[in-house]
Every structure is written in structure tokens, then in C-alpha cells.
């Protein structure tokens, strides 16, 4: 077969979550750094294509190449770990303490990766600070102004100005975003071929981007680069009105709507639906593929 059956998929996800809980801090930071940096690059490419074509959905369609590389290279993305590690906890493979340790270090690694790319692009888009973003023209200036606009809109206009409702909306959009992202990652794991993995994850990732939902790692790039370009939005505003509710929403979206759902329905063997045999080799392959080395 060129695909993985659901019960074997869940066994592999559990094994991967258990092993991820024991990955060294160094590797969590390095793999998290890669994931954050590549998503920052992917977002800049998407924004540039949106500007050049005038067709937003084309940028959204190109954006998932960053996620596909994370899946194929076995890197660490905190939003995917929001689904995997709780599954390992429920199966008795790790503890909540080790899960939180993983989440914190990967979050930091993702932030450092997006931060570096944000600094590099802030320098590049403004030609080392010499470009006049208010009066300038060209693709670079347009992308810089788009980032500034999104930074202001996705912190102040959409959330801070609405108070408690805004905080809830950021949480809700974070939930939906990571539901789709974790669905994309899980779909990629069902296929055994590289083309199958890429195609399977592409549409859910495109969907979250096109729908304008909130993904914490993508937001790390956006809300680091915006202030560097002169948006005037403070880190305190970003942390409270975006990072906090979006992270909480991403946790619920991944843990409940992918992790808990898949664990609850496929963890118990169903002999009348699926073959009863357990493929230990496949479980090890899935665990390795998810970056649990």
C-alpha cells in the first residue's frame, strides 16, 4: 500500500510525540529555528506574489512550500507539537512536564528563526534603511508597507480595539488555523511517497492562509518585522493581543480537534473496520519521519 492506515498512523504519532519529549534542548532550538525561518521566507514570498499578480489566492497557494519542507526534513514546529505530545501523554509515553518543556523551547526556537528573517528582510526591503516607505515605489516598498499594514490590523484594529471580543476572536482564529495546519501535517503522514506528502498537506495550509486565520509562528515573523519597519506597534500590544490568544487557540485547535479526536477514535483497535495486526516497523518509520530522532 502507498498509504498508512489510520490506526497505524495514530500509533506512529504517539511514538513520535513520546520521542519528541526527550529531544535535547539544542536540537529543539535548532529545528525550531529552521521552521521559524523558513515560514518567514515563505510568507515574504507569498506577499510579494500577491503584490505582483494582484491575486491574493495565488500567494496563499504558494505559501505551503515552507510547511512541506518542515514535514519532509523532520523539523520542529510548535503548532504541530501541540497535537503530537498530548497524544503521547494520554498513551503514557511521556508527561505533561516534558510536554511543556518541548513546547517552550520549540516556541523560542521558532521565534528566533522568524526574528532573524524579520531583521534581514527589514534591512533588505528598506535598502538598509534608505528607502522612503511613505513615498517610495516598487515591489520591496509595497511588501514592506503590506507587512506594516498587517501588523497594525492584526494587533490593534482587529483585536485591541474590540477589547474582550477581540481577544476571543484572536483565540478563535488561532484555533481554526491550527486545526487546518495539523490536518495538513496528518494528511502528509498518511502518504508514503514524497509527492503524496506534499500534495496532501498543501490544501489545508493554503486554506488557513487564504481564510486569514492566525498561526503563531507565521505571526512571529509578521509582528517582528512590522515594528522594525516602523509600524509603531509595541511588543506589549503584540504579546497580549496576538501572541497570547493565538498561542492558546493553536493549542486547542491542535490538541483537541486533531490529537484528541484521532486518539479517541483510532487508538482502540476496531477489528471490524481495520486489520488487527500491528506494524512495529511502520510505527518506527512514522516516528522518525516526524523528526523524533
Protein backbone atom coordinates (compact mmCIF):
# COMPACT_ATOMS: atom_id res chain seq x y z
CA UNK A 1 0.00 0.00 0.00
CA UNK A 2 1.16 3.56 -0.65
CA UNK A 3 -0.72 4.93 2.35
CA UNK A 4 -0.84 4.38 6.12
CA UNK A 5 -3.97 3.03 7.80
CA UNK A 6 -5.49 5.30 10.49
CA UNK A 7 -4.72 3.09 13.49
CA UNK A 8 -1.07 2.72 12.45
CA UNK A 9 -0.89 6.44 11.79
CA UNK A 10 -2.05 7.20 15.33
CA UNK A 11 0.44 4.70 16.78
CA UNK A 12 3.21 6.47 14.87
CA UNK A 13 2.04 9.89 16.06
CA UNK A 14 2.04 8.67 19.66
CA UNK A 15 5.53 7.20 19.32
CA UNK A 16 6.78 10.42 17.73
CA UNK A 17 5.26 12.54 20.48
CA UNK A 18 6.91 10.39 23.12
CA UNK A 19 10.33 10.68 21.46
CA UNK A 20 9.98 14.41 20.83
CA UNK A 21 9.56 14.86 24.59
CA UNK A 22 13.15 13.61 25.04
CA UNK A 23 14.85 15.56 22.23
CA UNK A 24 17.74 17.68 23.55
CA UNK A 25 17.26 21.39 24.10
CA UNK A 26 19.91 22.12 21.46
CA UNK A 27 18.05 20.15 18.80
CA UNK A 28 14.69 21.63 19.77
CA UNK A 29 16.15 25.11 19.30
CA UNK A 30 17.95 24.31 16.04
CA UNK A 31 15.00 22.52 14.45
CA UNK A 32 12.63 25.18 15.75
CA UNK A 33 14.91 27.88 14.34
CA UNK A 34 14.76 26.29 10.88
CA UNK A 35 10.97 26.04 10.96
CA UNK A 36 10.51 29.65 12.02
CA UNK A 37 12.96 30.97 9.44
CA UNK A 38 11.50 29.01 6.51
CA UNK A 39 7.95 30.15 7.35
CA UNK A 40 9.17 33.75 7.42
CA UNK A 41 10.71 33.29 3.98
CA UNK A 42 7.53 31.61 2.69
CA UNK A 43 5.34 34.46 3.94
CA UNK A 44 7.54 37.08 2.28
CA UNK A 45 7.35 35.17 -0.99
CA UNK A 46 3.56 34.91 -0.69
CA UNK A 47 3.19 38.65 -0.01
CA UNK A 48 5.46 39.50 -2.95
CA UNK A 49 3.47 37.29 -5.32
CA UNK A 50 0.20 38.77 -4.06
CA UNK A 51 1.50 42.25 -4.87
CA UNK A 52 2.95 41.34 -8.26
CA UNK A 53 -0.12 39.48 -9.51
CA UNK A 54 -2.85 41.38 -7.68
CA UNK A 55 -4.43 37.98 -6.96
CA UNK A 56 -4.28 37.12 -3.21
CA UNK A 57 -5.11 33.42 -3.54
CA UNK A 58 -2.01 32.78 -5.66
CA UNK A 59 0.19 33.90 -2.77
CA UNK A 60 -1.79 31.69 -0.41
CA UNK A 61 -1.32 28.76 -2.80
CA UNK A 62 2.48 29.22 -2.94
CA UNK A 63 2.88 29.69 0.83
CA UNK A 64 2.68 25.98 1.90
CA UNK A 65 6.11 25.11 0.47
CA UNK A 66 7.55 26.18 3.83
CA UNK A 67 5.35 23.75 5.75
CA UNK A 68 6.08 20.97 3.27
CA UNK A 69 9.82 21.34 3.86
CA UNK A 70 9.31 21.17 7.64
CA UNK A 71 7.43 17.88 7.28
CA UNK A 72 9.96 16.38 4.86
CA UNK A 73 13.03 17.43 6.87
CA UNK A 74 11.65 16.37 10.27
CA UNK A 75 11.99 19.82 11.86
CA UNK A 76 10.19 21.20 14.92
CA UNK A 77 7.11 23.39 14.63
CA UNK A 78 5.43 24.19 17.93
CA UNK A 79 1.94 24.11 16.44
CA UNK A 80 2.36 20.53 15.23
CA UNK A 81 3.69 19.54 18.64
CA UNK A 82 0.50 20.89 20.20
CA UNK A 83 -1.21 17.83 18.68
CA UNK A 84 1.50 15.16 18.95
CA UNK A 85 2.77 15.42 22.51
CA UNK A 86 -0.63 15.33 24.26
CA UNK A 87 -1.34 12.09 22.37
CA UNK A 88 1.86 10.64 23.86
CA UNK A 89 0.83 11.83 27.34
CA UNK A 90 -2.57 10.14 27.06
CA UNK A 91 -0.87 6.94 25.92
CA UNK A 92 1.54 7.01 28.89
CA UNK A 93 4.65 7.66 26.75
CA UNK A 94 5.60 10.96 28.41
CA UNK A 95 4.44 13.54 30.97
CA UNK A 96 2.86 16.98 30.86
CA UNK A 97 6.04 18.46 32.33
CA UNK A 98 8.15 17.17 29.44
CA UNK A 99 5.45 18.27 27.02
CA UNK A 100 5.57 21.84 28.32
CA UNK A 101 9.38 21.78 28.14
CA UNK A 102 9.16 20.82 24.46
CA UNK A 103 6.56 23.47 23.68
CA UNK A 104 8.54 26.25 25.38
CA UNK A 105 11.88 25.50 23.71
CA UNK A 106 10.37 24.94 20.26
CA UNK A 107 8.32 28.16 20.63
CA UNK A 108 11.56 30.00 21.44
CA UNK A 109 13.38 28.35 18.52
CA UNK A 110 10.55 29.28 16.14
CA UNK A 111 10.65 32.86 17.47
CA UNK A 112 14.42 33.15 16.97
CA UNK A 113 14.11 31.87 13.39
CA UNK A 114 11.35 34.29 12.47
CA UNK A 115 13.18 37.09 14.27
CA UNK A 116 16.37 36.67 12.25
CA UNK A 117 14.48 36.54 8.95
CA UNK A 118 12.47 39.57 10.08
CA UNK A 119 15.65 41.56 10.72
CA UNK A 120 17.17 40.53 7.39
CA UNK A 121 14.04 41.44 5.45
CA UNK A 122 13.60 44.74 7.28
CA UNK A 123 17.09 45.67 6.10
CA UNK A 124 16.54 44.30 2.59
CA UNK A 125 13.08 45.77 1.95
CA UNK A 126 14.20 49.25 3.03
CA UNK A 127 17.60 49.05 1.24
CA UNK A 128 19.39 49.35 4.55
CA UNK A 129 17.01 51.97 5.88
CA UNK A 130 17.45 54.35 2.94
CA UNK A 131 14.09 53.72 1.24
CA UNK A 132 11.19 56.09 1.90
CA UNK A 133 8.29 53.73 2.61
CA UNK A 134 5.77 56.56 2.56
CA UNK A 135 6.70 57.89 -0.88
CA UNK A 136 8.66 55.06 -2.47
CA UNK A 137 7.51 52.67 -5.17
CA UNK A 138 8.42 49.17 -6.29
CA UNK A 139 7.87 45.64 -5.07
CA UNK A 140 10.07 45.90 -1.98
CA UNK A 141 8.42 49.05 -0.69
CA UNK A 142 4.97 47.62 -1.40
CA UNK A 143 5.75 44.42 0.53
CA UNK A 144 7.18 46.44 3.43
CA UNK A 145 4.02 48.56 3.60
CA UNK A 146 1.87 45.42 3.42
CA UNK A 147 3.71 43.95 6.41
CA UNK A 148 3.26 47.21 8.34
CA UNK A 149 -0.45 47.24 7.50
CA UNK A 150 -0.94 43.62 8.57
CA UNK A 151 0.98 44.22 11.78
CA UNK A 152 -1.30 47.12 12.72
CA UNK A 153 -4.50 45.43 11.58
CA UNK A 154 -3.85 42.07 13.25
CA UNK A 155 -2.98 43.59 16.60
CA UNK A 156 -4.78 46.90 17.02
CA UNK A 157 -7.67 47.11 14.54
CA UNK A 158 -8.98 43.54 14.71
CA UNK A 159 -8.27 42.77 18.36
CA UNK A 160 -7.17 45.56 20.72
CA UNK A 161 -9.87 47.96 19.56
CA UNK A 162 -12.54 45.30 20.26
CA UNK A 163 -11.39 44.56 23.81
CA UNK A 164 -12.55 41.23 25.24
CA UNK A 165 -14.29 40.32 21.98
CA UNK A 166 -11.05 40.96 20.11
CA UNK A 167 -9.11 38.64 22.44
CA UNK A 168 -11.70 35.92 21.88
CA UNK A 169 -11.62 36.40 18.09
CA UNK A 170 -7.82 36.05 18.05
CA UNK A 171 -8.18 32.84 20.08
CA UNK A 172 -10.89 31.52 17.76
CA UNK A 173 -8.91 32.25 14.60
CA UNK A 174 -5.87 30.60 16.17
CA UNK A 175 -7.95 27.51 16.89
CA UNK A 176 -9.17 27.27 13.30
CA UNK A 177 -5.69 27.89 11.89
CA UNK A 178 -4.01 25.08 13.78
CA UNK A 179 -6.89 22.71 13.19
CA UNK A 180 -6.17 23.13 9.48
CA UNK A 181 -2.38 23.09 9.85
CA UNK A 182 -2.37 19.89 11.94
CA UNK A 183 -4.82 18.36 9.48
CA UNK A 184 -2.34 19.12 6.70
CA UNK A 185 0.56 17.57 8.61
CA UNK A 186 -1.51 14.48 9.45
CA UNK A 187 -2.61 14.09 5.83
CA UNK A 188 1.04 14.26 4.77
CA UNK A 189 1.87 11.39 7.12
CA UNK A 190 -0.79 9.18 5.55
CA UNK A 191 1.17 9.04 2.28
CA UNK A 192 4.42 7.09 1.89
CA UNK A 193 5.63 9.00 -1.20
CA UNK A 194 7.22 12.45 -1.30
CA UNK A 195 4.79 13.79 -3.97
CA UNK A 196 1.87 12.37 -2.00
CA UNK A 197 3.03 14.04 1.21
CA UNK A 198 3.43 17.42 -0.47
CA UNK A 199 0.07 17.29 -2.25
CA UNK A 200 -1.75 16.04 0.85
CA UNK A 201 -0.59 18.86 3.11
CA UNK A 202 -0.88 21.63 0.52
CA UNK A 203 -4.62 22.40 0.51
CA UNK A 204 -5.24 22.65 4.30
CA UNK A 205 -2.26 25.01 4.63
CA UNK A 206 -3.49 27.06 1.67
CA UNK A 207 -6.92 27.18 3.31
CA UNK A 208 -5.74 28.62 6.63
CA UNK A 209 -3.68 31.27 4.84
CA UNK A 210 -6.44 32.22 2.38
CA UNK A 211 -9.04 32.39 5.17
CA UNK A 212 -6.90 34.83 7.14
CA UNK A 213 -6.62 32.67 10.25
CA UNK A 214 -3.95 33.15 12.93
CA UNK A 215 -0.87 30.88 13.17
CA UNK A 216 1.54 31.82 15.95
CA UNK A 217 4.76 31.08 14.06
CA UNK A 218 3.67 32.99 10.96
CA UNK A 219 2.61 35.82 13.26
CA UNK A 220 6.03 35.83 14.93
CA UNK A 221 7.55 36.90 11.61
CA UNK A 222 4.82 39.40 10.78
CA UNK A 223 4.82 41.09 14.19
CA UNK A 224 8.60 41.16 14.50
CA UNK A 225 9.15 42.68 11.07
CA UNK A 226 6.31 45.22 11.29
CA UNK A 227 7.77 47.20 14.22
CA UNK A 228 11.25 47.00 12.68
CA UNK A 229 9.80 48.67 9.58
CA UNK A 230 8.24 51.42 11.70
CA UNK A 231 4.65 50.32 12.35
CA UNK A 232 4.72 51.80 15.85
CA UNK A 233 3.04 48.76 17.42
CA UNK A 234 4.64 47.90 20.78
CA UNK A 235 5.79 44.45 21.85
CA UNK A 236 3.39 44.60 24.82
CA UNK A 237 0.46 45.12 22.44
CA UNK A 238 1.63 42.27 20.22
CA UNK A 239 2.21 39.88 23.13
CA UNK A 240 -1.18 40.42 24.77
CA UNK A 241 -3.48 40.95 21.80
CA UNK A 242 -1.94 38.45 19.40
CA UNK A 243 0.74 36.09 20.69
CA UNK A 244 -1.13 35.06 23.86
CA UNK A 245 -4.63 34.38 22.45
CA UNK A 246 -3.30 32.92 19.19
CA UNK A 247 -0.96 30.52 21.02
CA UNK A 248 -3.83 29.38 23.26
CA UNK A 249 -6.08 28.94 20.22
CA UNK A 250 -3.38 26.98 18.37
CA UNK A 251 -3.04 24.68 21.40
CA UNK A 252 -6.76 23.92 21.49
CA UNK A 253 -7.01 23.52 17.70
CA UNK A 254 -4.16 21.02 17.52
CA UNK A 255 -4.64 19.17 20.81
CA UNK A 256 -8.43 18.83 20.78
CA UNK A 257 -9.54 18.81 17.15
CA UNK A 258 -6.69 16.66 15.81
CA UNK A 259 -4.85 14.99 18.70
CA UNK A 260 -7.80 14.12 20.94
CA UNK A 261 -10.14 13.31 18.06
CA UNK A 262 -7.71 10.93 16.31
CA UNK A 263 -6.58 9.38 19.59
CA UNK A 264 -10.14 8.76 20.76
CA UNK A 265 -11.38 7.12 17.58
CA UNK A 266 -8.33 5.21 16.29
CA UNK A 267 -6.26 4.38 19.38
CA UNK A 268 -8.54 1.43 20.25
CA UNK A 269 -8.27 -1.30 17.57
CA UNK A 270 -11.51 -1.84 15.67
CA UNK A 271 -11.33 -5.34 14.22
CA UNK A 272 -14.49 -4.88 12.20
CA UNK A 273 -13.03 -1.86 10.42
CA UNK A 274 -9.25 -2.19 10.36
CA UNK A 275 -6.82 -5.13 10.20
CA UNK A 276 -5.88 -6.31 13.71
CA UNK A 277 -2.13 -6.63 13.10
CA UNK A 278 0.27 -4.01 14.42
CA UNK A 279 3.19 -2.96 12.23
CA UNK A 280 6.06 -2.00 14.57
CA UNK A 281 8.33 -1.11 11.65
CA UNK A 282 5.78 1.35 10.30
CA UNK A 283 5.41 2.92 13.73
CA UNK A 284 9.18 3.47 13.91
CA UNK A 285 9.23 4.94 10.39
CA UNK A 286 6.45 7.39 11.20
CA UNK A 287 8.14 8.41 14.43
CA UNK A 288 11.40 9.09 12.59
CA UNK A 289 9.60 10.94 9.82
CA UNK A 290 8.04 13.32 12.35
CA UNK A 291 11.50 14.36 13.49
CA UNK A 292 11.67 12.17 16.60
CA UNK A 293 15.32 11.23 16.36
